[in-house]
Amino acid sequence: MIRGWYTGASGMQAQQNRLDAIANNLANVDTTGYKKDVAVSKSFTELLIRRTNDDGIITNSLGSYDVAPVVGTLGLGVETNELYTDFVQGSLKETGSTTDMALNNQGFFAVQTPYGERYTRNGNFMIGKEGLLETKDGYPVMGEKGYINVQDKNFLVNQDGILYDQETMEEIERFKLVRFDNERYLSKLGDSLYAATDVTGEAYVAEGDERPQVMQTYLESSNVNVVNEMVQMIEVNRAYEANQKVISAEDTMMSTLWSRVAVRS
């Protein structure tokens, strides 16, 4: 019976983790370039149940082993296996602002922060006081030769990420767009920034078919589907309540055991 408490409690904990991920997704439904989190659960290893009345231990020169008849398996609960980021492309919306950029396909803008180079899908940029193209938090956006100095909004960007002066059509810089060997395991840092991990490998400049298209005057919406998230939230709440009932039933059974069986013995 005590095992039932642990099984129910582990189910409640797993559902709580799912609910936290869903709540975070819904809170960022309007965040530019946001990628939703998905909580994945796994069951604990199952145990084989053998008949306890049969002595199934055999000992010989090779050692001892159990040959008692197996009557079934017993699950020991569930746990959260991982929380990963789903990088499915979000929809693109036109803004008309020349400093807004969206990436069509997988890839990331590189930005310079006080903690080193970080990566983002949020192309809601602005021009800083020194004429540099920056994020809304003031981090310079990186080109392949360094910071991108545009001075004003009179510039054009082609789909390859090359910036041109609108009047002279001289090339200014080219966006540093990067990819990773395993983007699924990038570390979320907040403020739409990501950092590389040991699993993702180091960032490398995307070229050829791996390079995403840069869409000027567009922004990428989050890839959160509100309806799907609300349906999952209902499922989580029902699963959580079911596990609560399991614990309540186990508690009632244990009370009955102690009040009737234990007292009589």
C-alpha atoms as a PDB file:
ATOM      1  CA  MET A   1       0.000   0.000   0.000  1.00  0.00           C
ATOM      2  CA  ILE A   2       2.803   2.388   0.829  1.00  0.00           C
ATOM      3  CA  ARG A   3       4.130   1.857  -2.678  1.00  0.00           C
ATOM      4  CA  GLY A   4       0.843   3.257  -3.990  1.00  0.00           C
ATOM      5  CA  TRP A   5       1.530   6.545  -2.225  1.00  0.00           C
ATOM      6  CA  TYR A   6       4.869   6.890  -3.981  1.00  0.00           C
ATOM      7  CA  THR A   7       3.348   5.953  -7.326  1.00  0.00           C
ATOM      8  CA  GLY A   8       0.602   8.566  -6.986  1.00  0.00           C
ATOM      9  CA  ALA A   9       3.011  11.209  -5.720  1.00  0.00           C
ATOM     10  CA  SER A  10       5.407  10.639  -8.624  1.00  0.00           C
ATOM     11  CA  GLY A  11       2.489  11.046 -11.043  1.00  0.00           C
ATOM     12  CA  MET A  12       1.488  14.330  -9.398  1.00  0.00           C
ATOM     13  CA  GLN A  13       5.063  15.624  -9.614  1.00  0.00           C
ATOM     14  CA  ALA A  14       5.317  14.737 -13.306  1.00  0.00           C
ATOM     15  CA  GLN A  15       2.019  16.490 -14.057  1.00  0.00           C
ATOM     16  CA  GLN A  16       3.163  19.547 -12.095  1.00  0.00           C
ATOM     17  CA  ASN A  17       6.250  19.774 -14.312  1.00  0.00           C
ATOM     18  CA  ARG A  18       4.061  19.529 -17.415  1.00  0.00           C
ATOM     19  CA  LEU A  19       1.785  22.253 -16.061  1.00  0.00           C
ATOM     20  CA  ASP A  20       4.763  24.553 -15.392  1.00  0.00           C
ATOM     21  CA  ALA A  21       5.921  24.148 -19.012  1.00  0.00           C
ATOM     22  CA  ILE A  22       2.428  24.814 -20.383  1.00  0.00           C
ATOM     23  CA  ALA A  23       1.986  27.899 -18.179  1.00  0.00           C
ATOM     24  CA  ASN A  24       5.326  29.275 -19.373  1.00  0.00           C
ATOM     25  CA  ASN A  25       4.324  28.669 -23.005  1.00  0.00           C
ATOM     26  CA  LEU A  26       1.016  30.500 -22.559  1.00  0.00           C
ATOM     27  CA  ALA A  27       2.765  33.397 -20.819  1.00  0.00           C
ATOM     28  CA  ASN A  28       5.042  33.812 -23.863  1.00  0.00           C
ATOM     29  CA  VAL A  29       2.464  33.351 -26.600  1.00  0.00           C
ATOM     30  CA  ASP A  30       3.056  36.954 -27.766  1.00  0.00           C
ATOM     31  CA  THR A  31       6.861  36.897 -27.341  1.00  0.00           C
ATOM     32  CA  THR A  32       8.619  37.351 -30.676  1.00  0.00           C
ATOM     33  CA  GLY A  33      10.518  34.239 -31.749  1.00  0.00           C
ATOM     34  CA  TYR A  34       9.591  32.273 -28.613  1.00  0.00           C
ATOM     35  CA  LYS A  35       9.879  28.479 -28.889  1.00  0.00           C
ATOM     36  CA  LYS A  36       7.651  26.349 -26.704  1.00  0.00           C
ATOM     37  CA  ASP A  37       8.909  23.909 -24.057  1.00  0.00           C
ATOM     38  CA  VAL A  38       7.754  20.304 -23.987  1.00  0.00           C
ATOM     39  CA  ALA A  39       7.960  18.116 -20.872  1.00  0.00           C
ATOM     40  CA  VAL A  40       8.576  14.426 -21.561  1.00  0.00           C
ATOM     41  CA  SER A  41       7.857  11.803 -18.902  1.00  0.00           C
ATOM     42  CA  LYS A  42       9.017   8.204 -18.566  1.00  0.00           C
ATOM     43  CA  SER A  43       7.984   5.326 -16.355  1.00  0.00           C
ATOM     44  CA  PHE A  44      10.279   3.804 -13.777  1.00  0.00           C
ATOM     45  CA  THR A  45      11.649   0.361 -14.462  1.00  0.00           C
ATOM     46  CA  GLU A  46       9.018  -2.346 -13.995  1.00  0.00           C
ATOM     47  CA  LEU A  47       9.609  -5.207 -11.587  1.00  0.00           C
ATOM     48  CA  LEU A  48       8.688  -8.817 -12.199  1.00  0.00           C
ATOM     49  CA  ILE A  49       6.223 -10.252  -9.648  1.00  0.00           C
ATOM     50  CA  ARG A  50       6.948 -13.854  -8.650  1.00  0.00           C
ATOM     51  CA  ARG A  51       4.946 -16.295  -6.532  1.00  0.00           C
ATOM     52  CA  THR A  52       6.160 -15.888  -2.973  1.00  0.00           C
ATOM     53  CA  ASN A  53       4.948 -19.290  -1.759  1.00  0.00           C
ATOM     54  CA  ASP A  54       7.289 -21.165  -4.088  1.00  0.00           C
ATOM     55  CA  ASP A  55      10.927 -21.580  -3.204  1.00  0.00           C
ATOM     56  CA  GLY A  56      12.478 -20.760  -6.543  1.00  0.00           C
ATOM     57  CA  ILE A  57      16.100 -20.449  -5.473  1.00  0.00           C
ATOM     58  CA  ILE A  58      18.435 -22.981  -7.089  1.00  0.00           C
ATOM     59  CA  THR A  59      22.076 -23.187  -6.104  1.00  0.00           C
ATOM     60  CA  ASN A  60      24.725 -24.991  -8.099  1.00  0.00           C
ATOM     61  CA  SER A  61      28.343 -24.572  -9.184  1.00  0.00           C
ATOM     62  CA  LEU A  62      27.418 -21.493 -11.199  1.00  0.00           C
ATOM     63  CA  GLY A  63      25.831 -19.739  -8.213  1.00  0.00           C
ATOM     64  CA  SER A  64      22.230 -19.166  -7.160  1.00  0.00           C
ATOM     65  CA  TYR A  65      19.362 -17.851  -9.236  1.00  0.00           C
ATOM     66  CA  ASP A  66      15.581 -17.385  -8.931  1.00  0.00           C
ATOM     67  CA  VAL A  67      13.298 -19.600 -10.981  1.00  0.00           C
ATOM     68  CA  ALA A  68      10.030 -18.900  -9.128  1.00  0.00           C
ATOM     69  CA  PRO A  69       7.069 -18.539 -11.540  1.00  0.00           C
ATOM     70  CA  VAL A  70       6.468 -14.979 -12.815  1.00  0.00           C
ATOM     71  CA  VAL A  71       2.856 -13.854 -12.387  1.00  0.00           C
ATOM     72  CA  GLY A  72       3.123 -10.339 -13.827  1.00  0.00           C
ATOM     73  CA  THR A  73       4.862  -6.967 -13.595  1.00  0.00           C
ATOM     74  CA  LEU A  74       4.593  -4.034 -11.232  1.00  0.00           C
ATOM     75  CA  GLY A  75       5.074  -0.406 -12.309  1.00  0.00           C
ATOM     76  CA  LEU A  76       6.765   1.929  -9.867  1.00  0.00           C
ATOM     77  CA  GLY A  77       5.501   5.295 -11.089  1.00  0.00           C
ATOM     78  CA  VAL A  78       6.600   8.006 -13.504  1.00  0.00           C
ATOM     79  CA  GLU A  79       9.110  10.828 -13.608  1.00  0.00           C
ATOM     80  CA  THR A  80       9.962  13.772 -15.861  1.00  0.00           C
ATOM     81  CA  ASN A  81      12.606  12.589 -18.298  1.00  0.00           C
ATOM     82  CA  GLU A  82      13.478  15.914 -19.920  1.00  0.00           C
ATOM     83  CA  LEU A  83      12.242  19.387 -20.764  1.00  0.00           C
ATOM     84  CA  TYR A  84      13.197  20.249 -24.320  1.00  0.00           C
ATOM     85  CA  THR A  85      12.564  23.178 -26.657  1.00  0.00           C
ATOM     86  CA  ASP A  86      10.526  22.657 -29.826  1.00  0.00           C
ATOM     87  CA  PHE A  87      12.107  24.781 -32.579  1.00  0.00           C
ATOM     88  CA  VAL A  88       9.264  24.449 -35.077  1.00  0.00           C
ATOM     89  CA  GLN A  89       9.007  27.551 -37.267  1.00  0.00           C
ATOM     90  CA  GLY A  90       6.564  30.221 -36.078  1.00  0.00           C
ATOM     91  CA  SER A  91       4.429  32.276 -38.456  1.00  0.00           C
ATOM     92  CA  LEU A  92       5.868  35.456 -39.981  1.00  0.00           C
ATOM     93  CA  LYS A  93       4.095  38.780 -39.649  1.00  0.00           C
ATOM     94  CA  GLU A  94       4.940  41.972 -41.544  1.00  0.00           C
ATOM     95  CA  THR A  95       5.711  45.075 -39.450  1.00  0.00           C
ATOM     96  CA  GLY A  96       7.048  47.545 -42.038  1.00  0.00           C
ATOM     97  CA  SER A  97      10.037  48.448 -39.822  1.00  0.00           C
ATOM     98  CA  THR A  98      13.407  48.149 -41.558  1.00  0.00           C
ATOM     99  CA  THR A  99      15.104  47.067 -38.310  1.00  0.00           C
ATOM    100  CA  ASP A 100      12.803  44.059 -37.858  1.00  0.00           C
ATOM    101  CA  MET A 101      14.208  40.736 -39.091  1.00  0.00           C
ATOM    102  CA  ALA A 102      12.809  37.217 -39.199  1.00  0.00           C
ATOM    103  CA  LEU A 103      14.532  33.951 -40.017  1.00  0.00           C
ATOM    104  CA  ASN A 104      12.704  31.656 -42.403  1.00  0.00           C
ATOM    105  CA  ASN A 105      13.948  28.148 -41.493  1.00  0.00           C
ATOM    106  CA  GLN A 106      16.193  26.932 -38.708  1.00  0.00           C
ATOM    107  CA  GLY A 107      19.085  29.049 -37.486  1.00  0.00           C
ATOM    108  CA  PHE A 108      19.911  31.866 -35.080  1.00  0.00           C
ATOM    109  CA  PHE A 109      21.167  35.436 -34.989  1.00  0.00           C
ATOM    110  CA  ALA A 110      24.374  35.841 -32.983  1.00  0.00           C
ATOM    111  CA  VAL A 111      24.494  38.658 -30.406  1.00  0.00           C
ATOM    112  CA  GLN A 112      27.259  39.811 -28.084  1.00  0.00           C
ATOM    113  CA  THR A 113      26.480  39.915 -24.354  1.00  0.00           C
ATOM    114  CA  PRO A 114      28.629  40.603 -21.265  1.00  0.00           C
ATOM    115  CA  TYR A 115      28.743  36.821 -20.784  1.00  0.00           C
ATOM    116  CA  GLY A 116      29.913  36.022 -24.294  1.00  0.00           C
ATOM    117  CA  GLU A 117      28.186  35.288 -27.572  1.00  0.00           C
ATOM    118  CA  ARG A 118      24.567  34.216 -27.322  1.00  0.00           C
ATOM    119  CA  TYR A 119      21.916  33.320 -29.906  1.00  0.00           C
ATOM    120  CA  THR A 120      18.345  34.384 -30.603  1.00  0.00           C
ATOM    121  CA  ARG A 121      15.426  34.040 -32.993  1.00  0.00           C
ATOM    122  CA  ASN A 122      13.995  37.375 -31.906  1.00  0.00           C
ATOM    123  CA  GLY A 123      14.774  39.829 -34.715  1.00  0.00           C
ATOM    124  CA  ASN A 124      13.044  42.820 -33.120  1.00  0.00           C
ATOM    125  CA  PHE A 125      16.172  44.975 -33.402  1.00  0.00           C
ATOM    126  CA  MET A 126      16.829  48.692 -33.033  1.00  0.00           C
ATOM    127  CA  ILE A 127      19.620  51.153 -33.793  1.00  0.00           C
ATOM    128  CA  GLY A 128      21.634  52.121 -30.724  1.00  0.00           C
ATOM    129  CA  LYS A 129      23.194  55.478 -29.854  1.00  0.00           C
ATOM    130  CA  GLU A 130      26.454  54.546 -31.593  1.00  0.00           C
ATOM    131  CA  GLY A 131      24.692  53.484 -34.777  1.00  0.00           C
ATOM    132  CA  LEU A 132      24.976  49.765 -34.015  1.00  0.00           C
ATOM    133  CA  LEU A 133      22.183  47.302 -34.702  1.00  0.00           C
ATOM    134  CA  GLU A 134      21.147  45.991 -31.279  1.00  0.00           C
ATOM    135  CA  THR A 135      18.541  43.867 -29.530  1.00  0.00           C
ATOM    136  CA  LYS A 136      15.901  45.523 -27.360  1.00  0.00           C
ATOM    137  CA  ASP A 137      18.128  44.764 -24.356  1.00  0.00           C
ATOM    138  CA  GLY A 138      21.038  46.669 -25.917  1.00  0.00           C
ATOM    139  CA  TYR A 139      23.146  43.691 -27.036  1.00  0.00           C
ATOM    140  CA  PRO A 140      24.958  44.281 -30.357  1.00  0.00           C
ATOM    141  CA  VAL A 141      23.935  42.004 -33.223  1.00  0.00           C
ATOM    142  CA  MET A 142      26.925  40.260 -34.765  1.00  0.00           C
ATOM    143  CA  GLY A 143      27.981  40.298 -38.380  1.00  0.00           C
ATOM    144  CA  GLU A 144      30.596  37.985 -39.823  1.00  0.00           C
ATOM    145  CA  LYS A 145      33.247  40.728 -39.446  1.00  0.00           C
ATOM    146  CA  GLY A 146      32.084  42.177 -36.141  1.00  0.00           C
ATOM    147  CA  TYR A 147      29.398  44.568 -34.966  1.00  0.00           C
ATOM    148  CA  ILE A 148      26.882  45.828 -37.562  1.00  0.00           C
ATOM    149  CA  ASN A 149      27.136  49.623 -37.924  1.00  0.00           C
ATOM    150  CA  VAL A 150      24.173  51.009 -39.883  1.00  0.00           C
ATOM    151  CA  GLN A 151      23.901  54.557 -38.390  1.00  0.00           C
ATOM    152  CA  ASP A 152      20.290  54.980 -39.567  1.00  0.00           C
ATOM    153  CA  LYS A 153      17.377  53.004 -41.003  1.00  0.00           C
ATOM    154  CA  ASN A 154      18.362  53.617 -44.627  1.00  0.00           C
ATOM    155  CA  PHE A 155      19.587  50.113 -45.322  1.00  0.00           C
ATOM    156  CA  LEU A 156      18.330  47.023 -47.113  1.00  0.00           C
ATOM    157  CA  VAL A 157      18.815  43.345 -46.312  1.00  0.00           C
ATOM    158  CA  ASN A 158      18.594  40.560 -48.872  1.00  0.00           C
ATOM    159  CA  GLN A 159      17.534  37.004 -48.095  1.00  0.00           C
ATOM    160  CA  ASP A 160      21.159  35.907 -47.683  1.00  0.00           C
ATOM    161  CA  GLY A 161      21.521  38.348 -44.782  1.00  0.00           C
ATOM    162  CA  ILE A 162      23.709  40.920 -46.554  1.00  0.00           C
ATOM    163  CA  LEU A 163      23.064  44.537 -45.519  1.00  0.00           C
ATOM    164  CA  TYR A 164      23.351  47.308 -48.146  1.00  0.00           C
ATOM    165  CA  ASP A 165      23.305  51.087 -47.901  1.00  0.00           C
ATOM    166  CA  GLN A 166      20.022  52.102 -49.533  1.00  0.00           C
ATOM    167  CA  GLU A 167      21.512  55.122 -51.322  1.00  0.00           C
ATOM    168  CA  THR A 168      24.895  53.863 -52.507  1.00  0.00           C
ATOM    169  CA  MET A 169      24.045  50.121 -52.524  1.00  0.00           C
ATOM    170  CA  GLU A 170      27.420  49.447 -50.944  1.00  0.00           C
ATOM    171  CA  GLU A 171      27.653  46.325 -48.831  1.00  0.00           C
ATOM    172  CA  ILE A 172      27.730  47.101 -45.104  1.00  0.00           C
ATOM    173  CA  GLU A 173      27.987  43.667 -43.467  1.00  0.00           C
ATOM    174  CA  ARG A 174      26.515  40.181 -43.509  1.00  0.00           C
ATOM    175  CA  PHE A 175      24.529  38.757 -40.590  1.00  0.00           C
ATOM    176  CA  LYS A 176      26.293  36.023 -38.652  1.00  0.00           C
ATOM    177  CA  LEU A 177      23.695  33.259 -38.774  1.00  0.00           C
ATOM    178  CA  VAL A 178      24.612  30.095 -36.918  1.00  0.00           C
ATOM    179  CA  ARG A 179      23.486  26.493 -36.566  1.00  0.00           C
ATOM    180  CA  PHE A 180      24.282  23.672 -34.141  1.00  0.00           C
ATOM    181  CA  ASP A 181      24.756  19.935 -34.439  1.00  0.00           C
ATOM    182  CA  ASN A 182      21.916  19.310 -31.975  1.00  0.00           C
ATOM    183  CA  GLU A 183      19.815  22.450 -31.528  1.00  0.00           C
ATOM    184  CA  ARG A 184      17.171  20.693 -29.426  1.00  0.00           C
ATOM    185  CA  TYR A 185      19.348  20.894 -26.317  1.00  0.00           C
ATOM    186  CA  LEU A 186      20.239  24.595 -26.399  1.00  0.00           C
ATOM    187  CA  SER A 187      20.043  26.225 -22.968  1.00  0.00           C
ATOM    188  CA  LYS A 188      17.329  28.869 -22.546  1.00  0.00           C
ATOM    189  CA  LEU A 189      18.624  31.955 -20.733  1.00  0.00           C
ATOM    190  CA  GLY A 190      15.585  34.230 -20.805  1.00  0.00           C
ATOM    191  CA  ASP A 191      15.123  37.425 -22.869  1.00  0.00           C
ATOM    192  CA  SER A 192      14.849  35.185 -25.988  1.00  0.00           C
ATOM    193  CA  LEU A 193      18.519  34.197 -25.705  1.00  0.00           C
ATOM    194  CA  TYR A 194      20.076  30.746 -25.981  1.00  0.00           C
ATOM    195  CA  ALA A 195      23.504  29.387 -25.084  1.00  0.00           C
ATOM    196  CA  ALA A 196      25.384  26.416 -26.483  1.00  0.00           C
ATOM    197  CA  THR A 197      25.859  23.305 -24.334  1.00  0.00           C
ATOM    198  CA  ASP A 198      28.124  20.261 -24.489  1.00  0.00           C
ATOM    199  CA  VAL A 199      25.325  18.329 -26.205  1.00  0.00           C
ATOM    200  CA  THR A 200      24.599  20.941 -28.901  1.00  0.00           C
ATOM    201  CA  GLY A 201      28.238  21.464 -29.828  1.00  0.00           C
ATOM    202  CA  GLU A 202      29.765  24.793 -30.749  1.00  0.00           C
ATOM    203  CA  ALA A 203      27.945  27.208 -33.051  1.00  0.00           C
ATOM    204  CA  TYR A 204      29.048  27.302 -36.681  1.00  0.00           C
ATOM    205  CA  VAL A 205      28.208  29.796 -39.432  1.00  0.00           C
ATOM    206  CA  ALA A 206      25.356  28.491 -41.576  1.00  0.00           C
ATOM    207  CA  GLU A 207      26.022  28.372 -45.306  1.00  0.00           C
ATOM    208  CA  GLY A 208      24.309  26.912 -48.347  1.00  0.00           C
ATOM    209  CA  ASP A 209      21.115  24.961 -47.719  1.00  0.00           C
ATOM    210  CA  GLU A 210      21.617  25.229 -43.955  1.00  0.00           C
ATOM    211  CA  ARG A 211      21.461  29.016 -44.016  1.00  0.00           C
ATOM    212  CA  PRO A 212      18.004  30.444 -43.234  1.00  0.00           C
ATOM    213  CA  GLN A 213      16.498  33.255 -45.267  1.00  0.00           C
ATOM    214  CA  VAL A 214      16.485  36.696 -43.665  1.00  0.00           C
ATOM    215  CA  MET A 215      13.154  38.483 -44.068  1.00  0.00           C
ATOM    216  CA  GLN A 216      13.466  42.253 -43.510  1.00  0.00           C
ATOM    217  CA  THR A 217      10.406  44.113 -42.109  1.00  0.00           C
ATOM    218  CA  TYR A 218       9.051  40.818 -40.718  1.00  0.00           C
ATOM    219  CA  LEU A 219       8.995  39.254 -37.250  1.00  0.00           C
ATOM    220  CA  GLU A 220       8.543  35.621 -36.293  1.00  0.00           C
ATOM    221  CA  SER A 221       5.651  34.896 -33.931  1.00  0.00           C
ATOM    222  CA  SER A 222       5.928  32.318 -31.160  1.00  0.00           C
ATOM    223  CA  ASN A 223       5.174  28.737 -32.157  1.00  0.00           C
ATOM    224  CA  VAL A 224       2.740  28.287 -29.252  1.00  0.00           C
ATOM    225  CA  ASN A 225      -0.739  27.114 -30.243  1.00  0.00           C
ATOM    226  CA  VAL A 226      -3.046  28.456 -27.529  1.00  0.00           C
ATOM    227  CA  VAL A 227      -5.824  25.917 -28.195  1.00  0.00           C
ATOM    228  CA  ASN A 228      -3.453  22.938 -27.989  1.00  0.00           C
ATOM    229  CA  GLU A 229      -1.875  24.261 -24.796  1.00  0.00           C
ATOM    230  CA  MET A 230      -5.293  24.759 -23.161  1.00  0.00           C
ATOM    231  CA  VAL A 231      -6.351  21.214 -24.091  1.00  0.00           C
ATOM    232  CA  GLN A 232      -3.118  19.853 -22.611  1.00  0.00           C
ATOM    233  CA  MET A 233      -3.714  21.899 -19.464  1.00  0.00           C
ATOM    234  CA  ILE A 234      -7.112  20.219 -19.016  1.00  0.00           C
ATOM    235  CA  GLU A 235      -5.495  16.798 -19.512  1.00  0.00           C
ATOM    236  CA  VAL A 236      -2.841  17.614 -16.932  1.00  0.00           C
ATOM    237  CA  ASN A 237      -5.405  18.762 -14.362  1.00  0.00           C
ATOM    238  CA  ARG A 238      -7.442  15.575 -14.783  1.00  0.00           C
ATOM    239  CA  ALA A 239      -4.355  13.372 -14.514  1.00  0.00           C
ATOM    240  CA  TYR A 240      -3.272  15.284 -11.409  1.00  0.00           C
ATOM    241  CA  GLU A 241      -6.694  14.781  -9.794  1.00  0.00           C
ATOM    242  CA  ALA A 242      -6.587  11.062 -10.656  1.00  0.00           C
ATOM    243  CA  ASN A 243      -3.273  10.680  -8.846  1.00  0.00           C
ATOM    244  CA  GLN A 244      -4.694  12.590  -5.873  1.00  0.00           C
ATOM    245  CA  LYS A 245      -7.550  10.088  -5.703  1.00  0.00           C
ATOM    246  CA  VAL A 246      -5.069   7.208  -5.774  1.00  0.00           C
ATOM    247  CA  ILE A 247      -3.275   8.625  -2.735  1.00  0.00           C
ATOM    248  CA  SER A 248      -6.580   9.249  -0.971  1.00  0.00           C
ATOM    249  CA  ALA A 249      -7.719   5.671  -1.628  1.00  0.00           C
ATOM    250  CA  GLU A 250      -4.389   4.278  -0.410  1.00  0.00           C
ATOM    251  CA  ASP A 251      -4.698   6.373   2.747  1.00  0.00           C
ATOM    252  CA  THR A 252      -8.192   5.044   3.408  1.00  0.00           C
ATOM    253  CA  MET A 253      -7.017   1.459   2.905  1.00  0.00           C
ATOM    254  CA  MET A 254      -4.089   1.994   5.257  1.00  0.00           C
ATOM    255  CA  SER A 255      -6.396   3.502   7.918  1.00  0.00           C
ATOM    256  CA  THR A 256      -8.689   0.505   7.625  1.00  0.00           C
ATOM    257  CA  LEU A 257      -5.741  -1.854   7.942  1.00  0.00           C
ATOM    258  CA  TRP A 258      -4.477  -0.228  11.133  1.00  0.00           C
ATOM    259  CA  SER A 259      -7.890   0.281  12.738  1.00  0.00           C
ATOM    260  CA  ARG A 260      -9.327  -3.192  12.052  1.00  0.00           C
ATOM    261  CA  VAL A 261      -6.675  -5.737  11.175  1.00  0.00           C
ATOM    262  CA  ALA A 262      -3.828  -4.481  13.409  1.00  0.00           C
ATOM    263  CA  VAL A 263      -6.088  -3.990  16.444  1.00  0.00           C
ATOM    264  CA  ARG A 264      -7.549  -7.510  16.201  1.00  0.00           C
ATOM    265  CA  SER A 265      -4.127  -9.084  15.898  1.00  0.00           C
END
